[in-house]
Amino acid sequence: MKKIFSLILIVSVALFATNTATAQKFGHIDSQTIINNLPDTKAAQTAFENEGKKFDEQLQTMSLEYQNKVQAYQENMQLADAAPEKWSAAIRQDKEAEIMQLQERIQRFQENAQQSLQQKRQELYAPILEKVDNAVKKVAVAGNYIYVFDKNNVLFINTALSTDLTDAVKKELGM
């Protein structure tokens, strides 16, 4: 009797474990496809590009100023070689310092512009990513999915065992 009870218990546990393992549902999405096709993304990209153009214009102006100062310095150095009394060492050092300061200013501007652009990108895309994240969660909960993977961030997905939820998420987003 004890052996029969043990056998029934083992079979029951094995059947329960098998049913539990097969009941797990896995899904995957293509976040890049979803994000790239959202109208909000196009607007964010345009705003980001416009911000970048402002920095590019300023950088071009600063670079032109730098080139002009270097060219003027080189021309004056040639004149100084012919007539040293017209361009003293103090003036030359002052002009070199001026050029170096401008070069440093350009470098600082580039670093600040890059930081500002990264912050702007994050600011513009955060609501989009949150919107997609909420849609994925809704679809996953409604479909009883345990895990939903982004196929762009996973080395391998066995599509035979995972459901592609990209279209369901697009539908949830009204696309």
Protein backbone atom coordinates (compact mmCIF):
# COMPACT_ATOMS: atom_id res chain seq x y z
CA MET A 1 0.00 0.00 0.00
CA LYS A 2 2.81 2.34 0.91
CA LYS A 3 4.53 1.60 -2.43
CA ILE A 4 1.33 2.33 -4.38
CA PHE A 5 0.84 5.62 -2.54
CA SER A 6 4.47 6.61 -3.24
CA LEU A 7 4.10 5.68 -6.90
CA ILE A 8 0.88 7.72 -7.23
CA LEU A 9 2.57 10.68 -5.52
CA ILE A 10 5.59 10.52 -7.87
CA VAL A 11 3.38 10.26 -10.97
CA SER A 12 1.21 13.15 -9.77
CA VAL A 13 4.23 15.38 -9.13
CA ALA A 14 5.70 14.47 -12.52
CA LEU A 15 2.42 15.26 -14.31
CA PHE A 16 2.03 18.53 -12.43
CA ALA A 17 5.61 19.54 -13.25
CA THR A 18 5.11 18.68 -16.92
CA ASN A 19 1.87 20.68 -17.09
CA THR A 20 3.49 23.63 -15.34
CA ALA A 21 6.48 23.61 -17.69
CA THR A 22 4.31 23.50 -20.81
CA ALA A 23 1.97 26.19 -19.49
CA GLN A 24 4.75 28.78 -19.46
CA LYS A 25 4.41 31.19 -22.35
CA PHE A 26 7.29 33.13 -23.84
CA GLY A 27 7.00 36.01 -26.25
CA HIS A 28 9.32 38.27 -28.15
CA ILE A 29 9.11 41.62 -29.88
CA ASP A 30 11.15 43.64 -32.33
CA SER A 31 11.41 46.91 -30.43
CA GLN A 32 13.32 48.68 -33.22
CA THR A 33 10.51 48.02 -35.70
CA ILE A 34 7.91 49.23 -33.23
CA ILE A 35 9.81 52.35 -32.19
CA ASN A 36 10.88 53.29 -35.72
CA ASN A 37 7.28 53.13 -36.98
CA LEU A 38 5.73 55.25 -34.24
CA PRO A 39 4.71 58.75 -35.37
CA ASP A 40 6.13 60.11 -32.10
CA THR A 41 9.56 58.81 -33.10
CA LYS A 42 9.58 60.77 -36.33
CA ALA A 43 8.73 63.97 -34.44
CA ALA A 44 11.42 63.24 -31.83
CA GLN A 45 14.00 62.57 -34.53
CA THR A 46 13.17 65.86 -36.29
CA ALA A 47 13.45 67.81 -33.02
CA PHE A 48 16.76 66.07 -32.25
CA GLU A 49 18.17 66.84 -35.69
CA ASN A 50 17.12 70.50 -35.39
CA GLU A 51 18.91 70.73 -32.05
CA GLY A 52 22.00 69.18 -33.61
CA LYS A 53 21.94 71.67 -36.49
CA LYS A 54 22.05 74.58 -34.02
CA PHE A 55 25.20 73.18 -32.45
CA ASP A 56 26.74 72.49 -35.87
CA GLU A 57 26.14 76.06 -36.99
CA GLN A 58 27.78 77.45 -33.85
CA LEU A 59 30.70 75.05 -34.22
CA GLN A 60 31.20 76.08 -37.86
CA THR A 61 31.25 79.75 -36.83
CA MET A 62 33.83 79.03 -34.14
CA SER A 63 35.94 76.92 -36.51
CA LEU A 64 35.91 79.67 -39.12
CA GLU A 65 37.05 82.18 -36.50
CA TYR A 66 39.85 79.80 -35.49
CA GLN A 67 40.96 79.30 -39.10
CA ASN A 68 40.99 83.05 -39.70
CA LYS A 69 43.10 83.68 -36.60
CA VAL A 70 45.57 80.94 -37.54
CA GLN A 71 45.82 82.28 -41.09
CA ALA A 72 46.37 85.84 -39.84
CA TYR A 73 49.01 84.58 -37.40
CA GLN A 74 50.84 82.70 -40.14
CA GLU A 75 50.77 85.74 -42.44
CA ASN A 76 52.09 87.98 -39.66
CA MET A 77 54.83 85.45 -38.88
CA GLN A 78 55.98 85.66 -42.50
CA LEU A 79 56.00 89.45 -42.31
CA ALA A 80 57.87 89.27 -39.01
CA ASP A 81 60.55 87.16 -40.62
CA ALA A 82 61.08 89.92 -43.20
CA ALA A 83 60.79 92.82 -40.72
CA PRO A 84 61.10 91.58 -37.07
CA GLU A 85 60.61 95.05 -35.63
CA LYS A 86 56.96 95.07 -36.77
CA TRP A 87 55.94 91.99 -34.73
CA SER A 88 57.55 91.69 -31.35
CA ALA A 89 57.83 88.50 -29.32
CA ALA A 90 55.19 89.82 -26.89
CA ILE A 91 52.65 90.32 -29.67
CA ARG A 92 53.45 86.89 -31.10
CA GLN A 93 52.96 85.24 -27.70
CA ASP A 94 49.71 87.12 -27.19
CA LYS A 95 48.37 85.90 -30.56
CA GLU A 96 49.47 82.31 -29.83
CA ALA A 97 47.70 82.42 -26.46
CA GLU A 98 44.59 83.82 -28.15
CA ILE A 99 44.59 80.96 -30.67
CA MET A 100 45.11 78.35 -27.94
CA GLN A 101 42.25 79.79 -25.87
CA LEU A 102 39.96 79.68 -28.89
CA GLN A 103 40.96 76.07 -29.57
CA GLU A 104 40.19 75.15 -25.94
CA ARG A 105 36.87 76.99 -26.16
CA ILE A 106 35.96 75.00 -29.28
CA GLN A 107 36.85 71.75 -27.55
CA ARG A 108 34.74 72.65 -24.47
CA PHE A 109 31.86 73.64 -26.75
CA GLN A 110 32.03 70.28 -28.54
CA GLU A 111 31.98 68.39 -25.24
CA ASN A 112 29.07 70.47 -23.89
CA ALA A 113 27.17 70.12 -27.16
CA GLN A 114 27.58 66.37 -27.09
CA GLN A 115 26.32 66.19 -23.50
CA SER A 116 23.38 68.45 -24.34
CA LEU A 117 22.48 66.32 -27.35
CA GLN A 118 22.59 63.13 -25.30
CA GLN A 119 20.35 64.72 -22.70
CA LYS A 120 17.97 66.00 -25.40
CA ARG A 121 17.80 62.54 -27.00
CA GLN A 122 16.99 60.99 -23.65
CA GLU A 123 14.37 63.65 -22.97
CA LEU A 124 12.72 63.14 -26.37
CA TYR A 125 12.77 59.34 -26.41
CA ALA A 126 11.87 58.63 -22.75
CA PRO A 127 8.10 59.07 -23.31
CA ILE A 128 8.26 56.91 -26.44
CA LEU A 129 10.08 54.10 -24.66
CA GLU A 130 7.67 54.32 -21.75
CA LYS A 131 4.71 54.12 -24.13
CA VAL A 132 6.15 51.01 -25.82
CA ASP A 133 7.02 49.46 -22.46
CA ASN A 134 3.45 49.95 -21.19
CA ALA A 135 2.01 48.43 -24.38
CA VAL A 136 4.30 45.39 -24.09
CA LYS A 137 3.27 44.91 -20.46
CA LYS A 138 -0.44 45.13 -21.39
CA VAL A 139 -0.07 42.57 -24.17
CA ALA A 140 2.02 40.27 -21.97
CA VAL A 141 -0.43 40.37 -19.06
CA ALA A 142 -3.46 39.90 -21.34
CA GLY A 143 -1.82 36.89 -23.02
CA ASN A 144 -0.46 35.37 -19.78
CA TYR A 145 3.14 35.56 -20.97
CA ILE A 146 5.79 34.91 -18.35
CA TYR A 147 8.62 36.54 -20.29
CA VAL A 148 8.74 38.86 -23.27
CA PHE A 149 12.16 39.31 -24.86
CA ASP A 150 13.36 41.96 -27.23
CA LYS A 151 14.90 40.13 -30.15
CA ASN A 152 17.36 43.00 -30.63
CA ASN A 153 18.89 42.37 -27.20
CA VAL A 154 19.01 38.57 -27.11
CA LEU A 155 21.57 36.30 -28.69
CA PHE A 156 19.07 33.61 -29.70
CA ILE A 157 15.30 33.13 -29.68
CA ASN A 158 13.75 29.82 -30.57
CA THR A 159 10.77 31.19 -32.48
CA ALA A 160 9.11 27.77 -32.39
CA LEU A 161 8.76 28.12 -28.60
CA SER A 162 8.22 31.87 -28.44
CA THR A 163 5.38 33.93 -29.84
CA ASP A 164 6.13 37.08 -31.84
CA LEU A 165 4.12 39.81 -30.12
CA THR A 166 5.34 42.68 -32.30
CA ASP A 167 2.04 43.01 -34.19
CA ALA A 168 0.00 42.78 -30.98
CA VAL A 169 2.07 45.57 -29.42
CA LYS A 170 1.69 47.69 -32.57
CA LYS A 171 -2.06 47.15 -32.38
CA GLU A 172 -2.04 48.16 -28.72
CA LEU A 173 -0.24 51.34 -29.71
CA GLY A 174 -2.82 52.06 -32.42
CA MET A 175 -0.44 51.50 -35.30
